C-alpha cells in the first residue's frame, strides 16, 4: 500500500510522492523545480524516483521495467497493464473496459496493479 500511495501522489502531486519515498533529499528539490516549471516532467521524474526506490530506501532491481509500466499506466492505462501482465490476463481486459468507460479509474486501476505485484 505504501508504494501505491507514493505512485499515486507522484502521478498527481509529484513532489509529495518523491518526498514520501526519499524525504527532503536532492530528488525532492529537483522534482519540486520540475513540477513548478513543467508539470508533466515533474510527473515523469516522480514516477522514475518511486520506481527506482524500494520501500526500505534501497535501489530497486527492476526499476526500469516498473518505471515504463507506471509511465504507460498513467498515460495509456491498458498498455501499462499489458506490459506487466500480458494480453491474456483478466487484469488487462478489465483495465481496458475501465479505461474505455472512464479513463481516470482505468489509470488508478493500472497503477494499483503495477505496484501490487512488487
PDB file of N, CA and C in Angstrom:
ATOM      1  N   UNK A   1       0.822  -1.199   0.000  1.00  0.00           N
ATOM      2  CA  UNK A   1       0.000   0.000   0.000  1.00  0.00           C
ATOM      3  C   UNK A   1       0.862   1.258   0.000  1.00  0.00           C
ATOM      4  N   UNK A   2       2.011   1.225   0.671  1.00  0.00           N
ATOM      5  CA  UNK A   2       2.878   2.393   0.742  1.00  0.00           C
ATOM      6  C   UNK A   2       3.432   2.796  -0.611  1.00  0.00           C
ATOM      7  N   UNK A   3       3.823   1.804  -1.406  1.00  0.00           N
ATOM      8  CA  UNK A   3       4.370   2.108  -2.727  1.00  0.00           C
ATOM      9  C   UNK A   3       3.272   2.640  -3.654  1.00  0.00           C
ATOM     10  N   UNK A   4       2.083   2.077  -3.568  1.00  0.00           N
ATOM     11  CA  UNK A   4       0.967   2.564  -4.381  1.00  0.00           C
ATOM     12  C   UNK A   4       0.661   4.013  -4.037  1.00  0.00           C
ATOM     13  N   UNK A   5       0.650   4.351  -2.766  1.00  0.00           N
ATOM     14  CA  UNK A   5       0.393   5.722  -2.355  1.00  0.00           C
ATOM     15  C   UNK A   5       1.474   6.656  -2.883  1.00  0.00           C
ATOM     16  N   UNK A   6       2.731   6.213  -2.845  1.00  0.00           N
ATOM     17  CA  UNK A   6       3.818   7.010  -3.409  1.00  0.00           C
ATOM     18  C   UNK A   6       3.653   7.226  -4.903  1.00  0.00           C
ATOM     19  N   UNK A   7       3.228   6.189  -5.612  1.00  0.00           N
ATOM     20  CA  UNK A   7       2.996   6.304  -7.053  1.00  0.00           C
ATOM     21  C   UNK A   7       1.809   7.216  -7.324  1.00  0.00           C
ATOM     22  N   UNK A   8       0.739   7.050  -6.577  1.00  0.00           N
ATOM     23  CA  UNK A   8      -0.453   7.872  -6.774  1.00  0.00           C
ATOM     24  C   UNK A   8      -0.143   9.345  -6.517  1.00  0.00           C
ATOM     25  N   UNK A   9       0.537   9.624  -5.425  1.00  0.00           N
ATOM     26  CA  UNK A   9       0.923  11.006  -5.152  1.00  0.00           C
ATOM     27  C   UNK A   9       1.905  11.515  -6.201  1.00  0.00           C
ATOM     28  N   UNK A  10       2.839  10.654  -6.621  1.00  0.00           N
ATOM     29  CA  UNK A  10       3.803  11.045  -7.647  1.00  0.00           C
ATOM     30  C   UNK A  10       3.150  11.338  -8.975  1.00  0.00           C
ATOM     31  N   UNK A  11       2.057  10.679  -9.264  1.00  0.00           N
ATOM     32  CA  UNK A  11       1.368  10.899 -10.528  1.00  0.00           C
ATOM     33  C   UNK A  11       0.559  12.194 -10.526  1.00  0.00           C
ATOM     34  N   UNK A  12      -0.030  12.554  -9.404  1.00  0.00           N
ATOM     35  CA  UNK A  12      -0.924  13.704  -9.383  1.00  0.00           C
ATOM     36  C   UNK A  12      -0.380  14.897  -8.597  1.00  0.00           C
ATOM     37  N   UNK A  13       0.453  14.664  -7.592  1.00  0.00           N
ATOM     38  CA  UNK A  13       1.133  15.711  -6.823  1.00  0.00           C
ATOM     39  C   UNK A  13       2.599  15.303  -6.714  1.00  0.00           C
ATOM     40  N   UNK A  14       3.362  15.441  -7.800  1.00  0.00           N
ATOM     41  CA  UNK A  14       4.694  14.840  -7.893  1.00  0.00           C
ATOM     42  C   UNK A  14       5.636  15.077  -6.709  1.00  0.00           C
ATOM     43  N   UNK A  15       5.810  16.304  -6.203  1.00  0.00           N
ATOM     44  CA  UNK A  15       6.756  16.459  -5.092  1.00  0.00           C
ATOM     45  C   UNK A  15       6.374  15.663  -3.840  1.00  0.00           C
ATOM     46  N   UNK A  16       5.077  15.496  -3.590  1.00  0.00           N
ATOM     47  CA  UNK A  16       4.658  14.715  -2.418  1.00  0.00           C
ATOM     48  C   UNK A  16       5.037  13.240  -2.564  1.00  0.00           C
ATOM     49  N   UNK A  17       4.887  12.709  -3.767  1.00  0.00           N
ATOM     50  CA  UNK A  17       5.275  11.320  -4.000  1.00  0.00           C
ATOM     51  C   UNK A  17       6.762  11.100  -3.807  1.00  0.00           C
ATOM     52  N   UNK A  18       7.570  12.035  -4.297  1.00  0.00           N
ATOM     53  CA  UNK A  18       9.025  11.926  -4.134  1.00  0.00           C
ATOM     54  C   UNK A  18       9.403  12.113  -2.674  1.00  0.00           C
ATOM     55  N   UNK A  19       8.778  13.063  -1.999  1.00  0.00           N
ATOM     56  CA  UNK A  19       9.063  13.276  -0.582  1.00  0.00           C
ATOM     57  C   UNK A  19       8.731  12.034   0.242  1.00  0.00           C
ATOM     58  N   UNK A  20       7.624  11.383  -0.098  1.00  0.00           N
ATOM     59  CA  UNK A  20       7.219  10.199   0.645  1.00  0.00           C
ATOM     60  C   UNK A  20       8.258   9.076   0.542  1.00  0.00           C
ATOM     61  N   UNK A  21       8.938   9.000  -0.596  1.00  0.00           N
ATOM     62  CA  UNK A  21       9.915   7.938  -0.823  1.00  0.00           C
ATOM     63  C   UNK A  21      11.311   8.328  -0.348  1.00  0.00           C
ATOM     64  N   UNK A  22      11.719   9.587  -0.575  1.00  0.00           N
ATOM     65  CA  UNK A  22      13.107   9.968  -0.284  1.00  0.00           C
ATOM     66  C   UNK A  22      13.264  10.958   0.843  1.00  0.00           C
ATOM     67  N   UNK A  23      12.205  11.630   1.240  1.00  0.00           N
ATOM     68  CA  UNK A  23      12.339  12.698   2.216  1.00  0.00           C
ATOM     69  C   UNK A  23      12.821  13.968   1.531  1.00  0.00           C
ATOM     70  N   UNK A  24      13.453  14.851   2.281  1.00  0.00           N
ATOM     71  CA  UNK A  24      13.915  16.126   1.727  1.00  0.00           C
ATOM     72  C   UNK A  24      15.318  16.000   1.159  1.00  0.00           C
ATOM     73  N   UNK A  25      15.541  15.010   0.336  1.00  0.00           N
ATOM     74  CA  UNK A  25      16.838  14.840  -0.321  1.00  0.00           C
ATOM     75  C   UNK A  25      16.828  15.575  -1.647  1.00  0.00           C
ATOM     76  N   UNK A  26      17.913  15.505  -2.371  1.00  0.00           N
ATOM     77  CA  UNK A  26      18.073  16.258  -3.617  1.00  0.00           C
ATOM     78  C   UNK A  26      17.000  15.900  -4.647  1.00  0.00           C
ATOM     79  N   UNK A  27      16.535  14.664  -4.658  1.00  0.00           N
ATOM     80  CA  UNK A  27      15.489  14.265  -5.608  1.00  0.00           C
ATOM     81  C   UNK A  27      14.208  15.070  -5.405  1.00  0.00           C
ATOM     82  N   UNK A  28      13.887  15.341  -4.144  1.00  0.00           N
ATOM     83  CA  UNK A  28      12.692  16.126  -3.843  1.00  0.00           C
ATOM     84  C   UNK A  28      12.807  17.525  -4.423  1.00  0.00           C
ATOM     85  N   UNK A  29      13.944  18.183  -4.221  1.00  0.00           N
ATOM     86  CA  UNK A  29      14.109  19.551  -4.685  1.00  0.00           C
ATOM     87  C   UNK A  29      14.135  19.629  -6.215  1.00  0.00           C
ATOM     88  N   UNK A  30      14.751  18.654  -6.861  1.00  0.00           N
ATOM     89  CA  UNK A  30      14.729  18.600  -8.325  1.00  0.00           C
ATOM     90  C   UNK A  30      13.287  18.465  -8.799  1.00  0.00           C
ATOM     91  N   UNK A  31      12.541  17.582  -8.157  1.00  0.00           N
ATOM     92  CA  UNK A  31      11.162  17.364  -8.566  1.00  0.00           C
ATOM     93  C   UNK A  31      10.301  18.597  -8.319  1.00  0.00           C
ATOM     94  N   UNK A  32      10.533  19.282  -7.235  1.00  0.00           N
ATOM     95  CA  UNK A  32       9.769  20.494  -6.938  1.00  0.00           C
ATOM     96  C   UNK A  32       9.969  21.538  -8.038  1.00  0.00           C
ATOM     97  N   UNK A  33      11.214  21.734  -8.451  1.00  0.00           N
ATOM     98  CA  UNK A  33      11.502  22.700  -9.521  1.00  0.00           C
ATOM     99  C   UNK A  33      10.877  22.237 -10.838  1.00  0.00           C
ATOM    100  N   UNK A  34      11.039  20.953 -11.171  1.00  0.00           N
ATOM    101  CA  UNK A  34      10.447  20.431 -12.412  1.00  0.00           C
ATOM    102  C   UNK A  34       8.933  20.598 -12.425  1.00  0.00           C
ATOM    103  N   UNK A  35       8.305  20.326 -11.297  1.00  0.00           N
ATOM    104  CA  UNK A  35       6.849  20.412 -11.229  1.00  0.00           C
ATOM    105  C   UNK A  35       6.371  21.857 -11.305  1.00  0.00           C
ATOM    106  N   UNK A  36       7.081  22.758 -10.650  1.00  0.00           N
ATOM    107  CA  UNK A  36       6.680  24.163 -10.701  1.00  0.00           C
ATOM    108  C   UNK A  36       6.867  24.763 -12.089  1.00  0.00           C
ATOM    109  N   UNK A  37       7.913  24.346 -12.785  1.00  0.00           N
ATOM    110  CA  UNK A  37       8.168  24.879 -14.121  1.00  0.00           C
ATOM    111  C   UNK A  37       7.376  24.139 -15.199  1.00  0.00           C
ATOM    112  N   UNK A  38       7.371  22.822 -15.113  1.00  0.00           N
ATOM    113  CA  UNK A  38       6.739  21.984 -16.137  1.00  0.00           C
ATOM    114  C   UNK A  38       6.112  20.795 -15.426  1.00  0.00           C
ATOM    115  N   UNK A  39       4.813  20.714 -15.396  1.00  0.00           N
ATOM    116  CA  UNK A  39       4.128  19.697 -14.594  1.00  0.00           C
ATOM    117  C   UNK A  39       4.406  18.264 -15.063  1.00  0.00           C
ATOM    118  N   UNK A  40       4.300  17.994 -16.351  1.00  0.00           N
ATOM    119  CA  UNK A  40       4.463  16.621 -16.854  1.00  0.00           C
ATOM    120  C   UNK A  40       5.877  16.085 -16.610  1.00  0.00           C
ATOM    121  N   UNK A  41       6.948  16.861 -16.860  1.00  0.00           N
ATOM    122  CA  UNK A  41       8.280  16.340 -16.486  1.00  0.00           C
ATOM    123  C   UNK A  41       8.404  16.055 -14.985  1.00  0.00           C
ATOM    124  N   UNK A  42       7.695  16.826 -14.162  1.00  0.00           N
ATOM    125  CA  UNK A  42       7.673  16.542 -12.722  1.00  0.00           C
ATOM    126  C   UNK A  42       7.017  15.202 -12.436  1.00  0.00           C
ATOM    127  N   UNK A  43       5.935  14.893 -13.159  1.00  0.00           N
ATOM    128  CA  UNK A  43       5.274  13.588 -13.010  1.00  0.00           C
ATOM    129  C   UNK A  43       6.214  12.456 -13.422  1.00  0.00           C
ATOM    130  N   UNK A  44       6.860  12.616 -14.557  1.00  0.00           N
ATOM    131  CA  UNK A  44       7.751  11.575 -15.063  1.00  0.00           C
ATOM    132  C   UNK A  44       8.907  11.360 -14.101  1.00  0.00           C
ATOM    133  N   UNK A  45       9.495  12.436 -13.604  1.00  0.00           N
ATOM    134  CA  UNK A  45      10.592  12.307 -12.639  1.00  0.00           C
ATOM    135  C   UNK A  45      10.120  11.618 -11.358  1.00  0.00           C
ATOM    136  N   UNK A  46       8.931  11.974 -10.890  1.00  0.00           N
ATOM    137  CA  UNK A  46       8.400  11.346  -9.671  1.00  0.00           C
ATOM    138  C   UNK A  46       8.218   9.845  -9.870  1.00  0.00           C
ATOM    139  N   UNK A  47       7.663   9.448 -11.007  1.00  0.00           N
ATOM    140  CA  UNK A  47       7.499   8.016 -11.275  1.00  0.00           C
ATOM    141  C   UNK A  47       8.852   7.323 -11.373  1.00  0.00           C
ATOM    142  N   UNK A  48       9.841   8.005 -11.943  1.00  0.00           N
ATOM    143  CA  UNK A  48      11.198   7.448 -12.042  1.00  0.00           C
ATOM    144  C   UNK A  48      11.758   7.192 -10.638  1.00  0.00           C
ATOM    145  N   UNK A  49      11.642   8.179  -9.767  1.00  0.00           N
ATOM    146  CA  UNK A  49      12.189   8.053  -8.409  1.00  0.00           C
ATOM    147  C   UNK A  49      11.460   6.953  -7.646  1.00  0.00           C
ATOM    148  N   UNK A  50      10.145   6.931  -7.716  1.00  0.00           N
ATOM    149  CA  UNK A  50       9.370   5.923  -6.977  1.00  0.00           C
ATOM    150  C   UNK A  50       9.654   4.521  -7.525  1.00  0.00           C
ATOM    151  N   UNK A  51       9.780   4.390  -8.836  1.00  0.00           N
ATOM    152  CA  UNK A  51      10.032   3.073  -9.436  1.00  0.00           C
ATOM    153  C   UNK A  51      11.424   2.552  -9.111  1.00  0.00           C
ATOM    154  N   UNK A  52      12.378   3.451  -8.950  1.00  0.00           N
ATOM    155  CA  UNK A  52      13.754   3.029  -8.705  1.00  0.00           C
ATOM    156  C   UNK A  52      14.128   2.981  -7.229  1.00  0.00           C
ATOM    157  N   UNK A  53      13.176   3.272  -6.339  1.00  0.00           N
ATOM    158  CA  UNK A  53      13.445   3.238  -4.903  1.00  0.00           C
ATOM    159  C   UNK A  53      12.490   2.264  -4.238  1.00  0.00           C
ATOM    160  N   UNK A  54      13.039   1.299  -3.508  1.00  0.00           N
ATOM    161  CA  UNK A  54      12.199   0.345  -2.789  1.00  0.00           C
ATOM    162  C   UNK A  54      11.655   0.986  -1.523  1.00  0.00           C
ATOM    163  N   UNK A  55      10.714   0.310  -0.899  1.00  0.00           N
ATOM    164  CA  UNK A  55      10.095   0.867   0.307  1.00  0.00           C
ATOM    165  C   UNK A  55      11.086   0.994   1.462  1.00  0.00           C
ATOM    166  N   UNK A  56      12.155   0.207   1.452  1.00  0.00           N
ATOM    167  CA  UNK A  56      13.157   0.319   2.515  1.00  0.00           C
ATOM    168  C   UNK A  56      14.252   1.328   2.177  1.00  0.00           C
ATOM    169  N   UNK A  57      14.109   2.053   1.054  1.00  0.00           N
ATOM    170  CA  UNK A  57      15.057   3.086   0.692  1.00  0.00           C
ATOM    171  C   UNK A  57      16.178   2.645  -0.236  1.00  0.00           C
ATOM    172  N   UNK A  58      16.324   1.336  -0.429  1.00  0.00           N
ATOM    173  CA  UNK A  58      17.381   0.860  -1.331  1.00  0.00           C
ATOM    174  C   UNK A  58      16.918   0.960  -2.781  1.00  0.00           C
ATOM    175  N   UNK A  59      17.870   0.811  -3.674  1.00  0.00           N
ATOM    176  CA  UNK A  59      17.588   0.878  -5.108  1.00  0.00           C
ATOM    177  C   UNK A  59      16.865  -0.392  -5.563  1.00  0.00           C
ATOM    178  N   UNK A  60      15.813  -0.219  -6.378  1.00  0.00           N
ATOM    179  CA  UNK A  60      15.026  -1.349  -6.870  1.00  0.00           C
ATOM    180  C   UNK A  60      15.772  -2.061  -8.000  1.00  0.00           C
ATOM    181  N   UNK A  61      15.675  -3.366  -8.030  1.00  0.00           N
ATOM    182  CA  UNK A  61      16.342  -4.187  -9.031  1.00  0.00           C
ATOM    183  C   UNK A  61      15.670  -4.069 -10.402  1.00  0.00           C
ATOM    184  N   UNK A  62      14.364  -3.993 -10.427  1.00  0.00           N
ATOM    185  CA  UNK A  62      13.613  -3.943 -11.689  1.00  0.00           C
ATOM    186  C   UNK A  62      13.056  -2.546 -11.947  1.00  0.00           C
ATOM    187  N   UNK A  63      13.802  -1.526 -11.594  1.00  0.00           N
ATOM    188  CA  UNK A  63      13.310  -0.154 -11.665  1.00  0.00           C
ATOM    189  C   UNK A  63      12.906   0.299 -13.051  1.00  0.00           C
ATOM    190  N   UNK A  64      13.687  -0.031 -14.067  1.00  0.00           N
ATOM    191  CA  UNK A  64      13.371   0.444 -15.411  1.00  0.00           C
ATOM    192  C   UNK A  64      12.078  -0.180 -15.938  1.00  0.00           C
ATOM    193  N   UNK A  65      11.900  -1.456 -15.732  1.00  0.00           N
ATOM    194  CA  UNK A  65      10.678  -2.126 -16.172  1.00  0.00           C
ATOM    195  C   UNK A  65       9.458  -1.565 -15.444  1.00  0.00           C
ATOM    196  N   UNK A  66       9.588  -1.363 -14.153  1.00  0.00           N
ATOM    197  CA  UNK A  66       8.491  -0.800 -13.368  1.00  0.00           C
ATOM    198  C   UNK A  66       8.207   0.635 -13.792  1.00  0.00           C
ATOM    199  N   UNK A  67       9.256   1.401 -14.045  1.00  0.00           N
ATOM    200  CA  UNK A  67       9.078   2.785 -14.486  1.00  0.00           C
ATOM    201  C   UNK A  67       8.308   2.834 -15.804  1.00  0.00           C
ATOM    202  N   UNK A  68       8.689   2.014 -16.770  1.00  0.00           N
ATOM    203  CA  UNK A  68       7.986   2.008 -18.054  1.00  0.00           C
ATOM    204  C   UNK A  68       6.526   1.597 -17.887  1.00  0.00           C
ATOM    205  N   UNK A  69       6.281   0.599 -17.054  1.00  0.00           N
ATOM    206  CA  UNK A  69       4.901   0.170 -16.810  1.00  0.00           C
ATOM    207  C   UNK A  69       4.092   1.279 -16.137  1.00  0.00           C
ATOM    208  N   UNK A  70       4.694   1.972 -15.169  1.00  0.00           N
ATOM    209  CA  UNK A  70       3.997   3.062 -14.486  1.00  0.00           C
ATOM    210  C   UNK A  70       3.723   4.231 -15.428  1.00  0.00           C
ATOM    211  N   UNK A  71       4.699   4.550 -16.257  1.00  0.00           N
ATOM    212  CA  UNK A  71       4.520   5.639 -17.210  1.00  0.00           C
ATOM    213  C   UNK A  71       3.395   5.324 -18.191  1.00  0.00           C
ATOM    214  N   UNK A  72       3.408   4.116 -18.714  1.00  0.00           N
ATOM    215  CA  UNK A  72       2.319   3.701 -19.598  1.00  0.00           C
ATOM    216  C   UNK A  72       0.995   3.645 -18.843  1.00  0.00           C
ATOM    217  N   UNK A  73       1.036   3.140 -17.600  1.00  0.00           N
ATOM    218  CA  UNK A  73      -0.169   3.025 -16.795  1.00  0.00           C
ATOM    219  C   UNK A  73      -0.800   4.363 -16.469  1.00  0.00           C
ATOM    220  N   UNK A  74       0.008   5.402 -16.375  1.00  0.00           N
ATOM    221  CA  UNK A  74      -0.522   6.726 -16.080  1.00  0.00           C
ATOM    222  C   UNK A  74      -1.157   7.354 -17.319  1.00  0.00           C
ATOM    223  N   UNK A  75      -0.469   7.281 -18.449  1.00  0.00           N
ATOM    224  CA  UNK A  75      -0.942   7.982 -19.642  1.00  0.00           C
ATOM    225  C   UNK A  75      -1.778   7.107 -20.578  1.00  0.00           C
ATOM    226  N   UNK A  76      -1.463   5.822 -20.685  1.00  0.00           N
ATOM    227  CA  UNK A  76      -2.213   4.866 -21.517  1.00  0.00           C
ATOM    228  C   UNK A  76      -2.430   3.597 -20.691  1.00  0.00           C
ATOM    229  N   UNK A  77      -3.379   3.615 -19.748  1.00  0.00           N
ATOM    230  CA  UNK A  77      -3.505   2.556 -18.740  1.00  0.00           C
ATOM    231  C   UNK A  77      -3.490   1.118 -19.257  1.00  0.00           C
ATOM    232  N   UNK A  78      -4.233   0.769 -20.308  1.00  0.00           N
ATOM    233  CA  UNK A  78      -4.196  -0.636 -20.735  1.00  0.00           C
ATOM    234  C   UNK A  78      -2.806  -1.103 -21.190  1.00  0.00           C
ATOM    235  N   UNK A  79      -2.011  -0.193 -21.764  1.00  0.00           N
ATOM    236  CA  UNK A  79      -0.672  -0.584 -22.199  1.00  0.00           C
ATOM    237  C   UNK A  79       0.248  -0.877 -21.015  1.00  0.00           C
ATOM    238  N   UNK A  80       0.076  -0.140 -19.912  1.00  0.00           N
ATOM    239  CA  UNK A  80       0.864  -0.420 -18.710  1.00  0.00           C
ATOM    240  C   UNK A  80       0.539  -1.782 -18.129  1.00  0.00           C
ATOM    241  N   UNK A  81      -0.743  -2.120 -18.117  1.00  0.00           N
ATOM    242  CA  UNK A  81      -1.164  -3.431 -17.610  1.00  0.00           C
ATOM    243  C   UNK A  81      -0.716  -4.523 -18.575  1.00  0.00           C
ATOM    244  N   UNK A  82      -0.820  -4.256 -19.862  1.00  0.00           N
ATOM    245  CA  UNK A  82      -0.347  -5.211 -20.869  1.00  0.00           C
ATOM    246  C   UNK A  82       1.138  -5.476 -20.705  1.00  0.00           C
ATOM    247  N   UNK A  83       1.920  -4.445 -20.431  1.00  0.00           N
ATOM    248  CA  UNK A  83       3.374  -4.563 -20.242  1.00  0.00           C
ATOM    249  C   UNK A  83       3.691  -5.512 -19.087  1.00  0.00           C
ATOM    250  N   UNK A  84       2.938  -5.412 -18.003  1.00  0.00           N
ATOM    251  CA  UNK A  84       3.219  -6.222 -16.813  1.00  0.00           C
ATOM    252  C   UNK A  84       2.561  -7.604 -16.829  1.00  0.00           C
ATOM    253  N   UNK A  85       1.350  -7.707 -17.373  1.00  0.00           N
ATOM    254  CA  UNK A  85       0.578  -8.940 -17.208  1.00  0.00           C
ATOM    255  C   UNK A  85       0.305  -9.708 -18.492  1.00  0.00           C
ATOM    256  N   UNK A  86       0.438  -9.070 -19.631  1.00  0.00           N
ATOM    257  CA  UNK A  86       0.212  -9.770 -20.886  1.00  0.00           C
ATOM    258  C   UNK A  86      -1.219  -9.622 -21.405  1.00  0.00           C
ATOM    259  N   UNK A  87      -1.403 -10.071 -22.633  1.00  0.00           N
ATOM    260  CA  UNK A  87      -2.664  -9.904 -23.343  1.00  0.00           C
ATOM    261  C   UNK A  87      -3.776 -10.807 -22.820  1.00  0.00           C
ATOM    262  N   UNK A  88      -3.426 -11.982 -22.338  1.00  0.00           N
ATOM    263  CA  UNK A  88      -4.446 -12.960 -21.961  1.00  0.00           C
ATOM    264  C   UNK A  88      -4.750 -12.960 -20.472  1.00  0.00           C
ATOM    265  N   UNK A  89      -4.560 -11.827 -19.821  1.00  0.00           N
ATOM    266  CA  UNK A  89      -4.873 -11.740 -18.394  1.00  0.00           C
ATOM    267  C   UNK A  89      -6.204 -11.014 -18.200  1.00  0.00           C
ATOM    268  N   UNK A  90      -6.904 -11.406 -17.174  1.00  0.00           N
ATOM    269  CA  UNK A  90      -8.163 -10.752 -16.830  1.00  0.00           C
ATOM    270  C   UNK A  90      -7.917  -9.292 -16.458  1.00  0.00           C
ATOM    271  N   UNK A  91      -6.774  -9.022 -15.827  1.00  0.00           N
ATOM    272  CA  UNK A  91      -6.449  -7.655 -15.418  1.00  0.00           C
ATOM    273  C   UNK A  91      -6.395  -6.721 -16.625  1.00  0.00           C
ATOM    274  N   UNK A  92      -5.817  -7.181 -17.731  1.00  0.00           N
ATOM    275  CA  UNK A  92      -5.729  -6.345 -18.926  1.00  0.00           C
ATOM    276  C   UNK A  92      -7.113  -6.010 -19.467  1.00  0.00           C
ATOM    277  N   UNK A  93      -7.963  -7.001 -19.599  1.00  0.00           N
ATOM    278  CA  UNK A  93      -9.292  -6.786 -20.179  1.00  0.00           C
ATOM    279  C   UNK A  93     -10.166  -5.929 -19.269  1.00  0.00           C
ATOM    280  N   UNK A  94     -10.056  -6.121 -17.960  1.00  0.00           N
ATOM    281  CA  UNK A  94     -10.796  -5.279 -17.024  1.00  0.00           C
ATOM    282  C   UNK A  94     -10.313  -3.836 -17.113  1.00  0.00           C
ATOM    283  N   UNK A  95      -9.000  -3.657 -17.211  1.00  0.00           N
ATOM    284  CA  UNK A  95      -8.463  -2.316 -17.312  1.00  0.00           C
ATOM    285  C   UNK A  95      -8.853  -1.660 -18.626  1.00  0.00           C
ATOM    286  N   UNK A  96      -8.889  -2.419 -19.690  1.00  0.00           N
ATOM    287  CA  UNK A  96      -9.325  -1.888 -20.976  1.00  0.00           C
ATOM    288  C   UNK A  96     -10.770  -1.388 -20.890  1.00  0.00           C
ATOM    289  N   UNK A  97     -11.619  -2.151 -20.234  1.00  0.00           N
ATOM    290  CA  UNK A  97     -13.013  -1.747 -20.053  1.00  0.00           C
ATOM    291  C   UNK A  97     -13.113  -0.493 -19.184  1.00  0.00           C
ATOM    292  N   UNK A  98     -12.398  -0.478 -18.058  1.00  0.00           N
ATOM    293  CA  UNK A  98     -12.422   0.698 -17.176  1.00  0.00           C
ATOM    294  C   UNK A  98     -11.926   1.942 -17.897  1.00  0.00           C
ATOM    295  N   UNK A  99     -10.890   1.792 -18.691  1.00  0.00           N
ATOM    296  CA  UNK A  99     -10.338   2.942 -19.404  1.00  0.00           C
ATOM    297  C   UNK A  99     -11.271   3.406 -20.507  1.00  0.00           C
ATOM    298  N   UNK A 100     -11.911   2.472 -21.191  1.00  0.00           N
ATOM    299  CA  UNK A 100     -12.835   2.842 -22.263  1.00  0.00           C
ATOM    300  C   UNK A 100     -14.060   3.577 -21.705  1.00  0.00           C
ATOM    301  N   UNK A 101     -14.529   3.155 -20.552  1.00  0.00           N
ATOM    302  CA  UNK A 101     -15.698   3.790 -19.958  1.00  0.00           C
ATOM    303  C   UNK A 101     -15.336   5.074 -19.213  1.00  0.00           C
ATOM    304  N   UNK A 102     -14.291   4.985 -18.408  1.00  0.00           N
ATOM    305  CA  UNK A 102     -13.868   6.106 -17.574  1.00  0.00           C
ATOM    306  C   UNK A 102     -12.348   6.073 -17.495  1.00  0.00           C
ATOM    307  N   UNK A 103     -11.666   7.027 -18.104  1.00  0.00           N
ATOM    308  CA  UNK A 103     -10.209   6.982 -18.175  1.00  0.00           C
ATOM    309  C   UNK A 103      -9.563   7.019 -16.778  1.00  0.00           C
ATOM    310  N   UNK A 104     -10.023   7.884 -15.911  1.00  0.00           N
ATOM    311  CA  UNK A 104      -9.393   8.049 -14.595  1.00  0.00           C
ATOM    312  C   UNK A 104      -9.397   6.753 -13.761  1.00  0.00           C
ATOM    313  N   UNK A 105     -10.524   6.052 -13.617  1.00  0.00           N
ATOM    314  CA  UNK A 105     -10.488   4.777 -12.890  1.00  0.00           C
ATOM    315  C   UNK A 105      -9.578   3.747 -13.555  1.00  0.00           C
ATOM    316  N   UNK A 106      -9.499   3.779 -14.877  1.00  0.00           N
ATOM    317  CA  UNK A 106      -8.589   2.874 -15.572  1.00  0.00           C
ATOM    318  C   UNK A 106      -7.145   3.155 -15.215  1.00  0.00           C
ATOM    319  N   UNK A 107      -6.800   4.429 -15.093  1.00  0.00           N
ATOM    320  CA  UNK A 107      -5.440   4.812 -14.722  1.00  0.00           C
ATOM    321  C   UNK A 107      -5.123   4.402 -13.286  1.00  0.00           C
ATOM    322  N   UNK A 108      -6.037   4.651 -12.363  1.00  0.00           N
ATOM    323  CA  UNK A 108      -5.837   4.257 -10.963  1.00  0.00           C
ATOM    324  C   UNK A 108      -5.707   2.738 -10.863  1.00  0.00           C
ATOM    325  N   UNK A 109      -6.553   2.017 -11.580  1.00  0.00           N
ATOM    326  CA  UNK A 109      -6.506   0.556 -11.580  1.00  0.00           C
ATOM    327  C   UNK A 109      -5.166   0.058 -12.114  1.00  0.00           C
ATOM    328  N   UNK A 110      -4.675   0.668 -13.176  1.00  0.00           N
ATOM    329  CA  UNK A 110      -3.388   0.262 -13.750  1.00  0.00           C
ATOM    330  C   UNK A 110      -2.252   0.506 -12.761  1.00  0.00           C
ATOM    331  N   UNK A 111      -2.223   1.667 -12.131  1.00  0.00           N
ATOM    332  CA  UNK A 111      -1.168   1.963 -11.156  1.00  0.00           C
ATOM    333  C   UNK A 111      -1.237   1.001  -9.969  1.00  0.00           C
ATOM    334  N   UNK A 112      -2.447   0.670  -9.538  1.00  0.00           N
ATOM    335  CA  UNK A 112      -2.616  -0.267  -8.431  1.00  0.00           C
ATOM    336  C   UNK A 112      -2.064  -1.648  -8.809  1.00  0.00           C
ATOM    337  N   UNK A 113      -2.443  -2.131  -9.981  1.00  0.00           N
ATOM    338  CA  UNK A 113      -1.975  -3.456 -10.411  1.00  0.00           C
ATOM    339  C   UNK A 113      -0.455  -3.507 -10.545  1.00  0.00           C
ATOM    340  N   UNK A 114       0.121  -2.474 -11.116  1.00  0.00           N
ATOM    341  CA  UNK A 114       1.568  -2.457 -11.349  1.00  0.00           C
ATOM    342  C   UNK A 114       2.335  -2.440 -10.032  1.00  0.00           C
ATOM    343  N   UNK A 115       1.845  -1.711  -9.056  1.00  0.00           N
ATOM    344  CA  UNK A 115       2.561  -1.653  -7.771  1.00  0.00           C
ATOM    345  C   UNK A 115       2.203  -2.804  -6.845  1.00  0.00           C
ATOM    346  N   UNK A 116       1.040  -3.420  -7.021  1.00  0.00           N
ATOM    347  CA  UNK A 116       0.622  -4.502  -6.120  1.00  0.00           C
ATOM    348  C   UNK A 116       1.467  -5.751  -6.318  1.00  0.00           C
ATOM    349  N   UNK A 117       2.005  -5.938  -7.508  1.00  0.00           N
ATOM    350  CA  UNK A 117       2.802  -7.134  -7.778  1.00  0.00           C
ATOM    351  C   UNK A 117       4.141  -7.091  -7.056  1.00  0.00           C
ATOM    352  N   UNK A 118       4.679  -5.892  -6.836  1.00  0.00           N
ATOM    353  CA  UNK A 118       6.008  -5.758  -6.239  1.00  0.00           C
ATOM    354  C   UNK A 118       6.046  -6.122  -4.800  1.00  0.00           C
TER     355      UNK A 118
END
